[in-house]
Amino acid sequence: MKTTYRMMGIADYITLANGLLGAVAVLMLVLAVDGLSDPIGGGMNDIFIWAAVLCIILSVIGDVIDGPIARRYSKVRILGGSLDIMSDCLAFCVAPALMIFVMFGRMGSATPFWTILLGAACCWVIATGMLRLARFAHEEGGYVPYFSGLSSPASSMFLMSLALFIWTQPATGIGPGLSSWECDPICFGKGGEKPYYDFLILPFMLFAGCMMIADRKLPKLKKGWPMWTTVAQMSVLLTATLIMLIHVAGGGDVDSININRIVSALLLISFLLVMSYIVFGPSVVSKEEHEAISNNEE
């Protein structure tokens, strides 16, 4: 009888590591809860948020490389498909949704209505992510040369980029903050202060979930500008994360405003790069399908 160990290939170990990185991200978010009612940048708890982001980014990188490794080195991949779905669900659905809930829900310090609304949005992202992964496993059986809907790793990069931009923007000192710990996000002027814009995350969470279960054809990231756009996006987000980790670990006192401005700009670039893939990706698929039809006719 084969043991579980003998059923695993090299790529399966990478996939397992991806899932564990997602689990570590969740643990980091649990550690971040304590003190998140303090002003942004006011405590070392921020380092746990950025550590969770780093874990998710590393998991995305692992998800990109485990496929080619499986095709090249793993002769038999019995566990690969099922293991990949479970890993992706944890790292790219549960962990990003929990991160957004921890960052903007403030674990009870916000009003009940906002907490419930945000929780429902997080559940929407997780549910649509699960459906997306189930559909991907089904369609890969017949091999489809494009993604049907936004992939779960791309969705996680999309939402994290926007959420972190909103999160860091008040610390840049540029204009009114897009987030505020002093203001109830749904007070709408009550209490003598107008609300800021934490709630901007909600329509984009709805959008990301819809994109994951949509029939929109998006190119796989193997060549051309989609591949290079993805490389640039992940590099920008990783750079922003490492800068903030180093900054916060060093105490966060040195040139804080300029560093937050740089990081905020990088996060906005990351978000726009993913958005460009969503908007212009179908044209790439359409062009490839047209070329394939032309080649067959010849």
C-alpha atoms as a PDB file:
ATOM      1  CA  MET A   1       0.000   0.000   0.000  1.00  0.00           C
ATOM      2  CA  LYS A   2       1.324   3.382  -0.930  1.00  0.00           C
ATOM      3  CA  THR A   3       1.837   5.818   1.882  1.00  0.00           C
ATOM      4  CA  THR A   4       0.780   9.436   1.571  1.00  0.00           C
ATOM      5  CA  TYR A   5       4.436  10.392   1.390  1.00  0.00           C
ATOM      6  CA  ARG A   6       5.022   8.192  -1.653  1.00  0.00           C
ATOM      7  CA  MET A   7       1.980   9.640  -3.395  1.00  0.00           C
ATOM      8  CA  MET A   8       3.444  13.146  -3.297  1.00  0.00           C
ATOM      9  CA  GLY A   9       5.635  14.728  -5.944  1.00  0.00           C
ATOM     10  CA  ILE A  10       7.939  17.737  -5.705  1.00  0.00           C
ATOM     11  CA  ALA A  11       5.173  20.117  -6.763  1.00  0.00           C
ATOM     12  CA  ASP A  12       2.884  18.744  -4.042  1.00  0.00           C
ATOM     13  CA  TYR A  13       5.348  19.822  -1.371  1.00  0.00           C
ATOM     14  CA  ILE A  14       5.360  23.331  -2.857  1.00  0.00           C
ATOM     15  CA  THR A  15       1.557  23.346  -2.902  1.00  0.00           C
ATOM     16  CA  LEU A  16       1.501  22.186   0.711  1.00  0.00           C
ATOM     17  CA  ALA A  17       3.918  24.976   1.623  1.00  0.00           C
ATOM     18  CA  ASN A  18       1.611  27.463  -0.142  1.00  0.00           C
ATOM     19  CA  GLY A  19      -1.282  26.341   2.046  1.00  0.00           C
ATOM     20  CA  LEU A  20       0.850  26.575   5.180  1.00  0.00           C
ATOM     21  CA  LEU A  21       1.848  30.122   4.216  1.00  0.00           C
ATOM     22  CA  GLY A  22      -1.860  30.909   4.069  1.00  0.00           C
ATOM     23  CA  ALA A  23      -2.262  29.411   7.540  1.00  0.00           C
ATOM     24  CA  VAL A  24       0.661  31.489   8.845  1.00  0.00           C
ATOM     25  CA  ALA A  25      -0.994  34.582   7.340  1.00  0.00           C
ATOM     26  CA  VAL A  26      -4.150  33.800   9.326  1.00  0.00           C
ATOM     27  CA  LEU A  27      -2.087  33.388  12.508  1.00  0.00           C
ATOM     28  CA  MET A  28      -0.389  36.735  11.861  1.00  0.00           C
ATOM     29  CA  LEU A  29      -3.797  38.375  11.513  1.00  0.00           C
ATOM     30  CA  VAL A  30      -4.904  36.892  14.827  1.00  0.00           C
ATOM     31  CA  LEU A  31      -1.814  38.406  16.441  1.00  0.00           C
ATOM     32  CA  ALA A  32      -2.575  41.736  14.763  1.00  0.00           C
ATOM     33  CA  VAL A  33      -5.992  42.048  16.377  1.00  0.00           C
ATOM     34  CA  ASP A  34      -4.605  43.270  19.688  1.00  0.00           C
ATOM     35  CA  GLY A  35      -4.145  47.019  19.431  1.00  0.00           C
ATOM     36  CA  LEU A  36      -5.798  47.591  16.054  1.00  0.00           C
ATOM     37  CA  SER A  37      -8.090  50.153  17.692  1.00  0.00           C
ATOM     38  CA  ASP A  38      -5.010  52.392  18.040  1.00  0.00           C
ATOM     39  CA  PRO A  39      -4.226  54.995  15.360  1.00  0.00           C
ATOM     40  CA  ILE A  40      -2.619  53.666  12.209  1.00  0.00           C
ATOM     41  CA  GLY A  41       1.108  53.222  12.681  1.00  0.00           C
ATOM     42  CA  GLY A  42       0.741  53.661  16.428  1.00  0.00           C
ATOM     43  CA  GLY A  43       1.822  50.202  17.433  1.00  0.00           C
ATOM     44  CA  MET A  44       4.000  47.271  16.442  1.00  0.00           C
ATOM     45  CA  ASN A  45       0.835  45.323  15.657  1.00  0.00           C
ATOM     46  CA  ASP A  46       1.116  46.693  12.087  1.00  0.00           C
ATOM     47  CA  ILE A  47       4.054  44.387  11.463  1.00  0.00           C
ATOM     48  CA  PHE A  48       1.720  41.403  11.726  1.00  0.00           C
ATOM     49  CA  ILE A  49      -0.511  42.829   8.974  1.00  0.00           C
ATOM     50  CA  TRP A  50       2.459  43.241   6.646  1.00  0.00           C
ATOM     51  CA  ALA A  51       3.826  39.824   7.613  1.00  0.00           C
ATOM     52  CA  ALA A  52       0.480  38.304   6.611  1.00  0.00           C
ATOM     53  CA  VAL A  53       0.650  40.130   3.272  1.00  0.00           C
ATOM     54  CA  LEU A  54       4.167  38.787   2.688  1.00  0.00           C
ATOM     55  CA  CYS A  55       2.982  35.229   3.362  1.00  0.00           C
ATOM     56  CA  ILE A  56       0.168  35.574   0.825  1.00  0.00           C
ATOM     57  CA  ILE A  57       2.527  37.015  -1.801  1.00  0.00           C
ATOM     58  CA  LEU A  58       4.981  34.142  -1.279  1.00  0.00           C
ATOM     59  CA  SER A  59       2.086  31.720  -1.614  1.00  0.00           C
ATOM     60  CA  VAL A  60       1.142  33.319  -4.954  1.00  0.00           C
ATOM     61  CA  ILE A  61       4.730  32.898  -6.162  1.00  0.00           C
ATOM     62  CA  GLY A  62       4.655  29.260  -5.078  1.00  0.00           C
ATOM     63  CA  ASP A  63       1.342  28.768  -6.879  1.00  0.00           C
ATOM     64  CA  VAL A  64       2.883  30.123 -10.083  1.00  0.00           C
ATOM     65  CA  ILE A  65       5.870  27.788 -10.028  1.00  0.00           C
ATOM     66  CA  ASP A  66       4.291  24.555  -8.788  1.00  0.00           C
ATOM     67  CA  GLY A  67       2.516  23.922 -12.117  1.00  0.00           C
ATOM     68  CA  PRO A  68       5.655  23.945 -14.316  1.00  0.00           C
ATOM     69  CA  ILE A  69       7.537  21.934 -11.703  1.00  0.00           C
ATOM     70  CA  ALA A  70       4.759  19.342 -11.630  1.00  0.00           C
ATOM     71  CA  ARG A  71       4.788  18.990 -15.409  1.00  0.00           C
ATOM     72  CA  ARG A  72       8.557  18.665 -15.551  1.00  0.00           C
ATOM     73  CA  TYR A  73       9.539  16.646 -12.490  1.00  0.00           C
ATOM     74  CA  SER A  74       6.459  14.914 -11.042  1.00  0.00           C
ATOM     75  CA  LYS A  75       5.758  11.732 -12.961  1.00  0.00           C
ATOM     76  CA  VAL A  76       2.604  11.043 -10.971  1.00  0.00           C
ATOM     77  CA  ARG A  77       0.576  13.762  -9.317  1.00  0.00           C
ATOM     78  CA  ILE A  78      -2.194  11.950  -7.494  1.00  0.00           C
ATOM     79  CA  LEU A  79      -2.739  14.478  -4.734  1.00  0.00           C
ATOM     80  CA  GLY A  80      -1.892  17.604  -6.724  1.00  0.00           C
ATOM     81  CA  GLY A  81      -5.311  18.751  -7.904  1.00  0.00           C
ATOM     82  CA  SER A  82      -7.163  18.366  -4.613  1.00  0.00           C
ATOM     83  CA  LEU A  83      -4.248  19.711  -2.605  1.00  0.00           C
ATOM     84  CA  ASP A  84      -4.003  22.752  -4.881  1.00  0.00           C
ATOM     85  CA  ILE A  85      -7.676  23.644  -4.393  1.00  0.00           C
ATOM     86  CA  MET A  86      -7.447  23.432  -0.593  1.00  0.00           C
ATOM     87  CA  SER A  87      -4.232  25.442  -0.542  1.00  0.00           C
ATOM     88  CA  ASP A  88      -5.593  28.175  -2.818  1.00  0.00           C
ATOM     89  CA  CYS A  89      -8.822  28.455  -0.846  1.00  0.00           C
ATOM     90  CA  LEU A  90      -6.921  29.082   2.380  1.00  0.00           C
ATOM     91  CA  ALA A  91      -4.203  31.365   0.996  1.00  0.00           C
ATOM     92  CA  PHE A  92      -6.150  33.361  -1.613  1.00  0.00           C
ATOM     93  CA  CYS A  93      -9.721  33.399  -0.284  1.00  0.00           C
ATOM     94  CA  VAL A  94      -9.813  32.977   3.495  1.00  0.00           C
ATOM     95  CA  ALA A  95      -6.588  34.839   4.380  1.00  0.00           C
ATOM     96  CA  PRO A  96      -7.237  38.000   2.256  1.00  0.00           C
ATOM     97  CA  ALA A  97     -10.873  38.182   3.384  1.00  0.00           C
ATOM     98  CA  LEU A  98      -9.855  37.832   7.029  1.00  0.00           C
ATOM     99  CA  MET A  99      -7.166  40.476   6.534  1.00  0.00           C
ATOM    100  CA  ILE A 100      -9.746  42.956   5.242  1.00  0.00           C
ATOM    101  CA  PHE A 101     -12.108  42.135   8.110  1.00  0.00           C
ATOM    102  CA  VAL A 102      -9.375  42.625  10.703  1.00  0.00           C
ATOM    103  CA  MET A 103      -8.159  45.884   9.130  1.00  0.00           C
ATOM    104  CA  PHE A 104     -11.530  47.554   8.621  1.00  0.00           C
ATOM    105  CA  GLY A 105     -13.815  45.723  11.052  1.00  0.00           C
ATOM    106  CA  ARG A 106     -11.667  46.612  14.081  1.00  0.00           C
ATOM    107  CA  MET A 107     -12.923  43.496  15.855  1.00  0.00           C
ATOM    108  CA  GLY A 108     -16.016  45.029  17.439  1.00  0.00           C
ATOM    109  CA  SER A 109     -14.953  48.655  17.817  1.00  0.00           C
ATOM    110  CA  ALA A 110     -16.907  49.617  14.679  1.00  0.00           C
ATOM    111  CA  THR A 111     -20.695  49.816  14.682  1.00  0.00           C
ATOM    112  CA  PRO A 112     -22.635  46.522  14.434  1.00  0.00           C
ATOM    113  CA  PHE A 113     -24.087  47.454  11.035  1.00  0.00           C
ATOM    114  CA  TRP A 114     -20.648  48.080   9.506  1.00  0.00           C
ATOM    115  CA  THR A 115     -19.225  44.923  11.083  1.00  0.00           C
ATOM    116  CA  ILE A 116     -22.062  42.771   9.723  1.00  0.00           C
ATOM    117  CA  LEU A 117     -21.862  44.404   6.280  1.00  0.00           C
ATOM    118  CA  LEU A 118     -18.114  43.889   6.073  1.00  0.00           C
ATOM    119  CA  GLY A 119     -18.432  40.318   7.331  1.00  0.00           C
ATOM    120  CA  ALA A 120     -21.002  39.563   4.627  1.00  0.00           C
ATOM    121  CA  ALA A 121     -18.651  40.990   1.978  1.00  0.00           C
ATOM    122  CA  CYS A 122     -15.814  38.806   3.278  1.00  0.00           C
ATOM    123  CA  CYS A 123     -18.062  35.729   3.163  1.00  0.00           C
ATOM    124  CA  TRP A 124     -18.995  36.665  -0.417  1.00  0.00           C
ATOM    125  CA  VAL A 125     -15.327  36.737  -1.432  1.00  0.00           C
ATOM    126  CA  ILE A 126     -14.680  33.361   0.212  1.00  0.00           C
ATOM    127  CA  ALA A 127     -17.791  31.718  -1.286  1.00  0.00           C
ATOM    128  CA  THR A 128     -17.119  32.970  -4.824  1.00  0.00           C
ATOM    129  CA  GLY A 129     -13.480  31.969  -4.453  1.00  0.00           C
ATOM    130  CA  MET A 130     -14.521  28.433  -3.549  1.00  0.00           C
ATOM    131  CA  LEU A 131     -16.825  28.306  -6.569  1.00  0.00           C
ATOM    132  CA  ARG A 132     -14.049  29.672  -8.788  1.00  0.00           C
ATOM    133  CA  LEU A 133     -11.626  26.987  -7.625  1.00  0.00           C
ATOM    134  CA  ALA A 134     -14.195  24.227  -8.079  1.00  0.00           C
ATOM    135  CA  ARG A 135     -14.898  25.421 -11.620  1.00  0.00           C
ATOM    136  CA  PHE A 136     -11.188  25.635 -12.387  1.00  0.00           C
ATOM    137  CA  ALA A 137     -10.674  22.016 -11.284  1.00  0.00           C
ATOM    138  CA  HIS A 138     -13.571  20.930 -13.511  1.00  0.00           C
ATOM    139  CA  GLU A 139     -12.474  22.848 -16.602  1.00  0.00           C
ATOM    140  CA  GLU A 140      -8.821  21.871 -16.289  1.00  0.00           C
ATOM    141  CA  GLY A 141      -9.927  18.266 -16.859  1.00  0.00           C
ATOM    142  CA  GLY A 142     -10.522  19.169 -20.501  1.00  0.00           C
ATOM    143  CA  TYR A 143      -7.825  21.873 -20.516  1.00  0.00           C
ATOM    144  CA  VAL A 144      -9.050  25.344 -21.336  1.00  0.00           C
ATOM    145  CA  PRO A 145      -6.296  27.703 -22.626  1.00  0.00           C
ATOM    146  CA  TYR A 146      -7.714  30.653 -20.679  1.00  0.00           C
ATOM    147  CA  PHE A 147      -9.192  31.443 -17.272  1.00  0.00           C
ATOM    148  CA  SER A 148     -12.968  31.586 -17.014  1.00  0.00           C
ATOM    149  CA  GLY A 149     -13.274  34.466 -14.581  1.00  0.00           C
ATOM    150  CA  LEU A 150     -10.658  36.086 -12.390  1.00  0.00           C
ATOM    151  CA  SER A 151      -8.314  33.570 -10.756  1.00  0.00           C
ATOM    152  CA  SER A 152      -8.231  33.430  -6.954  1.00  0.00           C
ATOM    153  CA  PRO A 153      -4.547  34.546  -6.735  1.00  0.00           C
ATOM    154  CA  ALA A 154      -5.299  37.560  -8.967  1.00  0.00           C
ATOM    155  CA  SER A 155      -8.348  38.377  -6.851  1.00  0.00           C
ATOM    156  CA  SER A 156      -6.241  38.298  -3.683  1.00  0.00           C
ATOM    157  CA  MET A 157      -3.649  40.631  -5.239  1.00  0.00           C
ATOM    158  CA  PHE A 158      -6.425  42.955  -6.427  1.00  0.00           C
ATOM    159  CA  LEU A 159      -8.133  43.217  -3.039  1.00  0.00           C
ATOM    160  CA  MET A 160      -4.953  43.389  -0.977  1.00  0.00           C
ATOM    161  CA  SER A 161      -3.528  46.195  -3.116  1.00  0.00           C
ATOM    162  CA  LEU A 162      -6.658  48.298  -2.694  1.00  0.00           C
ATOM    163  CA  ALA A 163      -7.155  47.486   0.996  1.00  0.00           C
ATOM    164  CA  LEU A 164      -3.557  48.322   1.853  1.00  0.00           C
ATOM    165  CA  PHE A 165      -3.750  51.544  -0.156  1.00  0.00           C
ATOM    166  CA  ILE A 166      -6.780  52.635   1.859  1.00  0.00           C
ATOM    167  CA  TRP A 167      -5.025  51.457   5.026  1.00  0.00           C
ATOM    168  CA  THR A 168      -1.808  53.415   4.470  1.00  0.00           C
ATOM    169  CA  GLN A 169      -3.194  56.551   2.829  1.00  0.00           C
ATOM    170  CA  PRO A 170      -3.990  58.473   6.068  1.00  0.00           C
ATOM    171  CA  ALA A 171      -0.332  58.161   7.108  1.00  0.00           C
ATOM    172  CA  THR A 172       0.847  59.925   3.942  1.00  0.00           C
ATOM    173  CA  GLY A 173      -0.369  63.318   5.138  1.00  0.00           C
ATOM    174  CA  ILE A 174      -1.852  64.033   1.705  1.00  0.00           C
ATOM    175  CA  GLY A 175      -5.401  65.344   1.887  1.00  0.00           C
ATOM    176  CA  PRO A 176      -8.128  63.882   4.097  1.00  0.00           C
ATOM    177  CA  GLY A 177      -7.567  60.269   5.000  1.00  0.00           C
ATOM    178  CA  LEU A 178      -9.419  57.532   3.193  1.00  0.00           C
ATOM    179  CA  SER A 179      -9.685  55.813   6.565  1.00  0.00           C
ATOM    180  CA  SER A 180      -9.970  57.042  10.110  1.00  0.00           C
ATOM    181  CA  TRP A 181      -9.945  55.370  13.508  1.00  0.00           C
ATOM    182  CA  GLU A 182     -11.615  58.411  15.054  1.00  0.00           C
ATOM    183  CA  CYS A 183     -14.648  58.347  12.786  1.00  0.00           C
ATOM    184  CA  ASP A 184     -17.455  55.849  12.603  1.00  0.00           C
ATOM    185  CA  PRO A 185     -17.377  54.715   8.932  1.00  0.00           C
ATOM    186  CA  ILE A 186     -21.191  54.759   8.681  1.00  0.00           C
ATOM    187  CA  CYS A 187     -21.950  57.776  10.891  1.00  0.00           C
ATOM    188  CA  PHE A 188     -22.606  59.905   7.758  1.00  0.00           C
ATOM    189  CA  GLY A 189     -22.058  63.209   9.519  1.00  0.00           C
ATOM    190  CA  LYS A 190     -23.514  62.295  12.897  1.00  0.00           C
ATOM    191  CA  GLY A 191     -21.416  63.180  15.876  1.00  0.00           C
ATOM    192  CA  GLY A 192     -20.068  66.338  14.247  1.00  0.00           C
ATOM    193  CA  GLU A 193     -17.648  64.643  11.827  1.00  0.00           C
ATOM    194  CA  LYS A 194     -18.192  63.419   8.293  1.00  0.00           C
ATOM    195  CA  PRO A 195     -17.260  59.828   7.520  1.00  0.00           C
ATOM    196  CA  TYR A 196     -14.157  58.846   5.629  1.00  0.00           C
ATOM    197  CA  TYR A 197     -14.046  56.165   2.996  1.00  0.00           C
ATOM    198  CA  ASP A 198     -13.353  52.759   4.496  1.00  0.00           C
ATOM    199  CA  PHE A 199     -16.519  51.651   2.725  1.00  0.00           C
ATOM    200  CA  LEU A 200     -14.813  51.981  -0.679  1.00  0.00           C
ATOM    201  CA  ILE A 201     -13.530  48.455  -0.105  1.00  0.00           C
ATOM    202  CA  LEU A 202     -17.068  47.012  -0.188  1.00  0.00           C
ATOM    203  CA  PRO A 203     -17.978  47.572  -3.877  1.00  0.00           C
ATOM    204  CA  PHE A 204     -14.582  46.252  -4.942  1.00  0.00           C
ATOM    205  CA  MET A 205     -15.068  43.118  -2.833  1.00  0.00           C
ATOM    206  CA  LEU A 206     -18.412  42.622  -4.581  1.00  0.00           C
ATOM    207  CA  PHE A 207     -16.704  43.253  -7.933  1.00  0.00           C
ATOM    208  CA  ALA A 208     -13.870  40.782  -7.222  1.00  0.00           C
ATOM    209  CA  GLY A 209     -16.341  38.067  -6.245  1.00  0.00           C
ATOM    210  CA  CYS A 210     -18.420  38.657  -9.363  1.00  0.00           C
ATOM    211  CA  MET A 211     -15.301  38.493 -11.537  1.00  0.00           C
ATOM    212  CA  MET A 212     -14.275  35.148 -10.030  1.00  0.00           C
ATOM    213  CA  ILE A 213     -17.563  33.485 -10.992  1.00  0.00           C
ATOM    214  CA  ALA A 214     -18.093  35.388 -14.260  1.00  0.00           C
ATOM    215  CA  ASP A 215     -17.713  33.922 -17.759  1.00  0.00           C
ATOM    216  CA  ARG A 216     -15.177  36.615 -18.637  1.00  0.00           C
ATOM    217  CA  LYS A 217     -12.251  35.034 -20.487  1.00  0.00           C
ATOM    218  CA  LEU A 218      -8.871  36.113 -19.136  1.00  0.00           C
ATOM    219  CA  PRO A 219      -5.500  34.998 -20.497  1.00  0.00           C
ATOM    220  CA  LYS A 220      -3.238  32.637 -18.619  1.00  0.00           C
ATOM    221  CA  LEU A 221      -0.028  34.305 -17.557  1.00  0.00           C
ATOM    222  CA  LYS A 222       2.423  32.392 -19.730  1.00  0.00           C
ATOM    223  CA  LYS A 223       3.492  34.958 -22.316  1.00  0.00           C
ATOM    224  CA  GLY A 224       3.098  38.481 -23.622  1.00  0.00           C
ATOM    225  CA  TRP A 225       2.033  41.548 -21.704  1.00  0.00           C
ATOM    226  CA  PRO A 226      -0.242  39.630 -19.280  1.00  0.00           C
ATOM    227  CA  MET A 227       2.814  37.768 -17.988  1.00  0.00           C
ATOM    228  CA  TRP A 228       4.954  40.904 -17.721  1.00  0.00           C
ATOM    229  CA  THR A 229       2.123  42.878 -16.145  1.00  0.00           C
ATOM    230  CA  THR A 230       1.794  40.186 -13.499  1.00  0.00           C
ATOM    231  CA  VAL A 231       5.538  40.132 -12.867  1.00  0.00           C
ATOM    232  CA  ALA A 232       5.543  43.919 -12.495  1.00  0.00           C
ATOM    233  CA  GLN A 233       2.481  43.889 -10.223  1.00  0.00           C
ATOM    234  CA  MET A 234       3.858  41.247  -7.884  1.00  0.00           C
ATOM    235  CA  SER A 235       7.264  42.954  -7.807  1.00  0.00           C
ATOM    236  CA  VAL A 236       5.668  46.289  -6.904  1.00  0.00           C
ATOM    237  CA  LEU A 237       3.487  44.787  -4.167  1.00  0.00           C
ATOM    238  CA  LEU A 238       6.377  42.764  -2.774  1.00  0.00           C
ATOM    239  CA  THR A 239       8.598  45.862  -2.727  1.00  0.00           C
ATOM    240  CA  ALA A 240       5.939  47.866  -0.875  1.00  0.00           C
ATOM    241  CA  THR A 241       5.498  45.069   1.655  1.00  0.00           C
ATOM    242  CA  LEU A 242       9.214  44.681   2.340  1.00  0.00           C
ATOM    243  CA  ILE A 243       9.650  48.456   2.719  1.00  0.00           C
ATOM    244  CA  MET A 244       6.867  48.593   5.307  1.00  0.00           C
ATOM    245  CA  LEU A 245       8.110  45.532   7.152  1.00  0.00           C
ATOM    246  CA  ILE A 246      11.591  47.022   7.448  1.00  0.00           C
ATOM    247  CA  HIS A 247      10.161  50.428   8.372  1.00  0.00           C
ATOM    248  CA  VAL A 248       7.795  49.130  11.061  1.00  0.00           C
ATOM    249  CA  ALA A 249      10.379  46.694  12.451  1.00  0.00           C
ATOM    250  CA  GLY A 250      12.770  49.638  12.830  1.00  0.00           C
ATOM    251  CA  GLY A 251      10.287  51.533  14.971  1.00  0.00           C
ATOM    252  CA  GLY A 252       8.510  53.469  12.241  1.00  0.00           C
ATOM    253  CA  ASP A 253       9.927  56.833  13.321  1.00  0.00           C
ATOM    254  CA  VAL A 254      12.404  57.622  10.518  1.00  0.00           C
ATOM    255  CA  ASP A 255      10.952  59.654   7.603  1.00  0.00           C
ATOM    256  CA  SER A 256       7.582  58.024   8.182  1.00  0.00           C
ATOM    257  CA  ILE A 257       5.492  60.302   5.966  1.00  0.00           C
ATOM    258  CA  ASN A 258       7.726  59.942   2.879  1.00  0.00           C
ATOM    259  CA  ILE A 259       7.968  56.177   3.293  1.00  0.00           C
ATOM    260  CA  ASN A 260       4.198  55.887   3.576  1.00  0.00           C
ATOM    261  CA  ARG A 261       3.820  58.052   0.478  1.00  0.00           C
ATOM    262  CA  ILE A 262       6.146  55.789  -1.500  1.00  0.00           C
ATOM    263  CA  VAL A 263       4.387  52.651  -0.281  1.00  0.00           C
ATOM    264  CA  SER A 264       0.953  54.137  -0.977  1.00  0.00           C
ATOM    265  CA  ALA A 265       2.030  54.989  -4.537  1.00  0.00           C
ATOM    266  CA  LEU A 266       3.354  51.456  -5.083  1.00  0.00           C
ATOM    267  CA  LEU A 267       0.110  49.959  -3.803  1.00  0.00           C
ATOM    268  CA  LEU A 268      -1.910  52.131  -6.173  1.00  0.00           C
ATOM    269  CA  ILE A 269       0.291  51.006  -9.084  1.00  0.00           C
ATOM    270  CA  SER A 270      -0.215  47.374  -8.040  1.00  0.00           C
ATOM    271  CA  PHE A 271      -3.983  47.843  -7.975  1.00  0.00           C
ATOM    272  CA  LEU A 272      -4.037  49.540 -11.394  1.00  0.00           C
ATOM    273  CA  LEU A 273      -1.910  46.787 -12.954  1.00  0.00           C
ATOM    274  CA  VAL A 274      -4.360  44.103 -11.829  1.00  0.00           C
ATOM    275  CA  MET A 275      -7.254  46.242 -13.029  1.00  0.00           C
ATOM    276  CA  SER A 276      -5.619  46.594 -16.456  1.00  0.00           C
ATOM    277  CA  TYR A 277      -5.397  42.793 -16.674  1.00  0.00           C
ATOM    278  CA  ILE A 278      -9.113  42.490 -15.853  1.00  0.00           C
ATOM    279  CA  VAL A 279     -10.140  45.189 -18.339  1.00  0.00           C
ATOM    280  CA  PHE A 280      -7.904  44.349 -21.303  1.00  0.00           C
ATOM    281  CA  GLY A 281      -7.349  40.615 -20.748  1.00  0.00           C
ATOM    282  CA  PRO A 282     -10.351  39.411 -22.801  1.00  0.00           C
ATOM    283  CA  SER A 283      -8.971  41.146 -25.914  1.00  0.00           C
ATOM    284  CA  VAL A 284      -5.855  38.955 -25.655  1.00  0.00           C
ATOM    285  CA  VAL A 285      -7.963  35.785 -25.471  1.00  0.00           C
ATOM    286  CA  SER A 286     -10.087  36.952 -28.407  1.00  0.00           C
ATOM    287  CA  LYS A 287      -6.956  37.621 -30.471  1.00  0.00           C
ATOM    288  CA  GLU A 288      -5.480  34.203 -29.633  1.00  0.00           C
ATOM    289  CA  GLU A 289      -8.740  32.439 -30.541  1.00  0.00           C
ATOM    290  CA  HIS A 290      -8.877  34.319 -33.854  1.00  0.00           C
ATOM    291  CA  GLU A 291      -5.293  33.345 -34.648  1.00  0.00           C
ATOM    292  CA  ALA A 292      -6.011  29.718 -33.771  1.00  0.00           C
ATOM    293  CA  ILE A 293      -9.028  29.670 -36.115  1.00  0.00           C
ATOM    294  CA  SER A 294      -6.962  31.236 -38.895  1.00  0.00           C
ATOM    295  CA  ASN A 295      -4.188  28.663 -38.467  1.00  0.00           C
ATOM    296  CA  ASN A 296      -6.693  25.799 -38.579  1.00  0.00           C
ATOM    297  CA  GLU A 297      -8.243  27.123 -41.770  1.00  0.00           C
ATOM    298  CA  GLU A 298      -4.843  27.298 -43.399  1.00  0.00           C
END
